[in-house]
């Protein structure tokens, strides 16, 4: 993934500005949900800080680490004030398990 002069990927910028359509397209095209900005912040951290619940949920559904820390030891939860974002971060593991499930088909004769 290409980076800007400030060492920021498109996914980090889309998450920072809460652009859920851009985040969706970038993830569909293989963007790394764990990429980091120069400060060590992940897209999840930027989405939480910008209180963009839609973007945050998309990232978490695609396996982004809700507990990652930046260079200062801050987590997404520490940077978030929006109640919906806090709830999503606290339930990330359960949400990710749900999306990894595969349907079991049973054939009967």
Protein backbone atom coordinates (compact mmCIF):
# COMPACT_ATOMS: atom_id res chain seq x y z
CA UNK A 1 0.00 0.00 0.00
CA UNK A 2 1.38 3.40 -0.95
CA UNK A 3 1.99 6.01 1.71
CA UNK A 4 1.90 9.81 1.61
CA UNK A 5 4.87 12.01 2.42
CA UNK A 6 3.70 11.99 6.05
CA UNK A 7 3.88 8.16 6.01
CA UNK A 8 0.10 7.69 6.11
CA UNK A 9 -1.83 5.06 4.13
CA UNK A 10 -5.18 5.67 2.46
CA UNK A 11 -6.89 3.41 5.01
CA UNK A 12 -5.51 5.43 7.93
CA UNK A 13 -6.75 8.66 6.30
CA UNK A 14 -10.18 7.20 5.50
CA UNK A 15 -10.55 5.99 9.09
CA UNK A 16 -9.35 9.32 10.47
CA UNK A 17 -11.98 11.22 8.48
CA UNK A 18 -14.76 8.65 9.00
CA UNK A 19 -15.19 7.79 5.33
CA UNK A 20 -16.92 4.41 5.57
CA UNK A 21 -17.28 3.98 1.79
CA UNK A 22 -13.55 4.46 1.25
CA UNK A 23 -12.75 2.10 4.14
CA UNK A 24 -15.01 -0.57 2.63
CA UNK A 25 -13.40 -0.28 -0.82
CA UNK A 26 -9.87 -0.28 0.58
CA UNK A 27 -10.53 -3.38 2.69
CA UNK A 28 -12.14 -5.14 -0.29
CA UNK A 29 -8.97 -4.40 -2.27
CA UNK A 30 -6.71 -5.88 0.38
CA UNK A 31 -5.71 -2.95 2.60
CA UNK A 32 -4.02 -4.04 5.83
CA UNK A 33 -6.37 -3.21 8.74
CA UNK A 34 -3.35 -3.24 11.06
CA UNK A 35 -1.31 -0.63 9.16
CA UNK A 36 0.06 2.16 11.35
CA UNK A 37 0.64 5.88 11.03
CA UNK A 38 3.93 7.51 12.01
CA UNK A 39 2.63 7.82 15.59
CA UNK A 40 1.93 4.08 15.65
CA UNK A 41 -1.84 4.54 15.49
CA UNK A 42 -3.94 1.93 13.69
CA UNK A 43 -7.07 2.69 11.63
CA UNK A 44 -9.13 1.45 14.63
CA UNK A 45 -7.51 4.11 16.82
CA UNK A 46 -8.21 6.84 14.28
CA UNK A 47 -11.83 5.72 13.85
CA UNK A 48 -12.35 5.65 17.63
CA UNK A 49 -10.76 9.08 18.09
CA UNK A 50 -12.95 10.55 15.34
CA UNK A 51 -16.01 8.80 16.82
CA UNK A 52 -16.82 7.12 13.52
CA UNK A 53 -18.84 4.10 14.63
CA UNK A 54 -19.51 2.77 11.10
CA UNK A 55 -15.81 2.76 10.23
CA UNK A 56 -14.85 1.27 13.58
CA UNK A 57 -17.30 -1.61 13.19
CA UNK A 58 -16.12 -2.32 9.63
CA UNK A 59 -12.52 -2.52 10.79
CA UNK A 60 -13.34 -4.74 13.75
CA UNK A 61 -15.43 -7.05 11.56
CA UNK A 62 -12.38 -7.52 9.36
CA UNK A 63 -10.19 -8.58 12.25
CA UNK A 64 -8.56 -5.33 13.35
CA UNK A 65 -7.02 -5.49 16.83
CA UNK A 66 -9.10 -3.45 19.29
CA UNK A 67 -6.38 -3.71 21.94
CA UNK A 68 -3.39 -2.50 19.91
CA UNK A 69 -1.30 0.30 21.42
CA UNK A 70 0.42 3.24 19.76
CA UNK A 71 3.95 4.48 20.47
CA UNK A 72 2.73 6.21 23.64
CA UNK A 73 0.95 3.11 24.94
CA UNK A 74 -2.52 4.44 24.18
CA UNK A 75 -5.32 2.12 23.01
CA UNK A 76 -8.35 2.96 20.88
CA UNK A 77 -10.55 2.76 23.98
CA UNK A 78 -8.42 5.41 25.72
CA UNK A 79 -8.89 7.76 22.75
CA UNK A 80 -12.65 7.29 22.42
CA UNK A 81 -15.51 9.11 24.13
CA UNK A 82 -18.48 8.04 21.97
CA UNK A 83 -20.60 5.48 23.89
CA UNK A 84 -21.29 3.43 20.74
CA UNK A 85 -17.59 3.26 19.88
CA UNK A 86 -16.69 2.26 23.42
CA UNK A 87 -19.29 -0.50 23.31
CA UNK A 88 -17.99 -1.76 19.95
CA UNK A 89 -14.41 -1.83 21.24
CA UNK A 90 -15.39 -3.66 24.40
CA UNK A 91 -17.33 -6.27 22.39
CA UNK A 92 -14.82 -6.60 19.54
CA UNK A 93 -13.80 -10.17 20.32
CA UNK A 94 -17.39 -11.39 20.36
CA UNK A 95 -18.15 -9.49 17.14
CA UNK A 96 -15.11 -10.98 15.40
CA UNK A 97 -16.01 -14.51 16.49
CA UNK A 98 -19.50 -14.05 15.05
CA UNK A 99 -18.15 -12.96 11.67
CA UNK A 100 -15.69 -15.87 11.48
CA UNK A 101 -18.45 -18.44 11.91
CA UNK A 102 -19.15 -20.73 9.02
CA UNK A 103 -22.60 -22.21 8.51
CA UNK A 104 -22.82 -25.93 9.05
CA UNK A 105 -24.98 -27.72 6.54
CA UNK A 106 -26.43 -31.08 7.42
CA UNK A 107 -27.87 -33.26 4.70
CA UNK A 108 -30.57 -35.73 5.58
CA UNK A 109 -31.90 -38.52 3.47
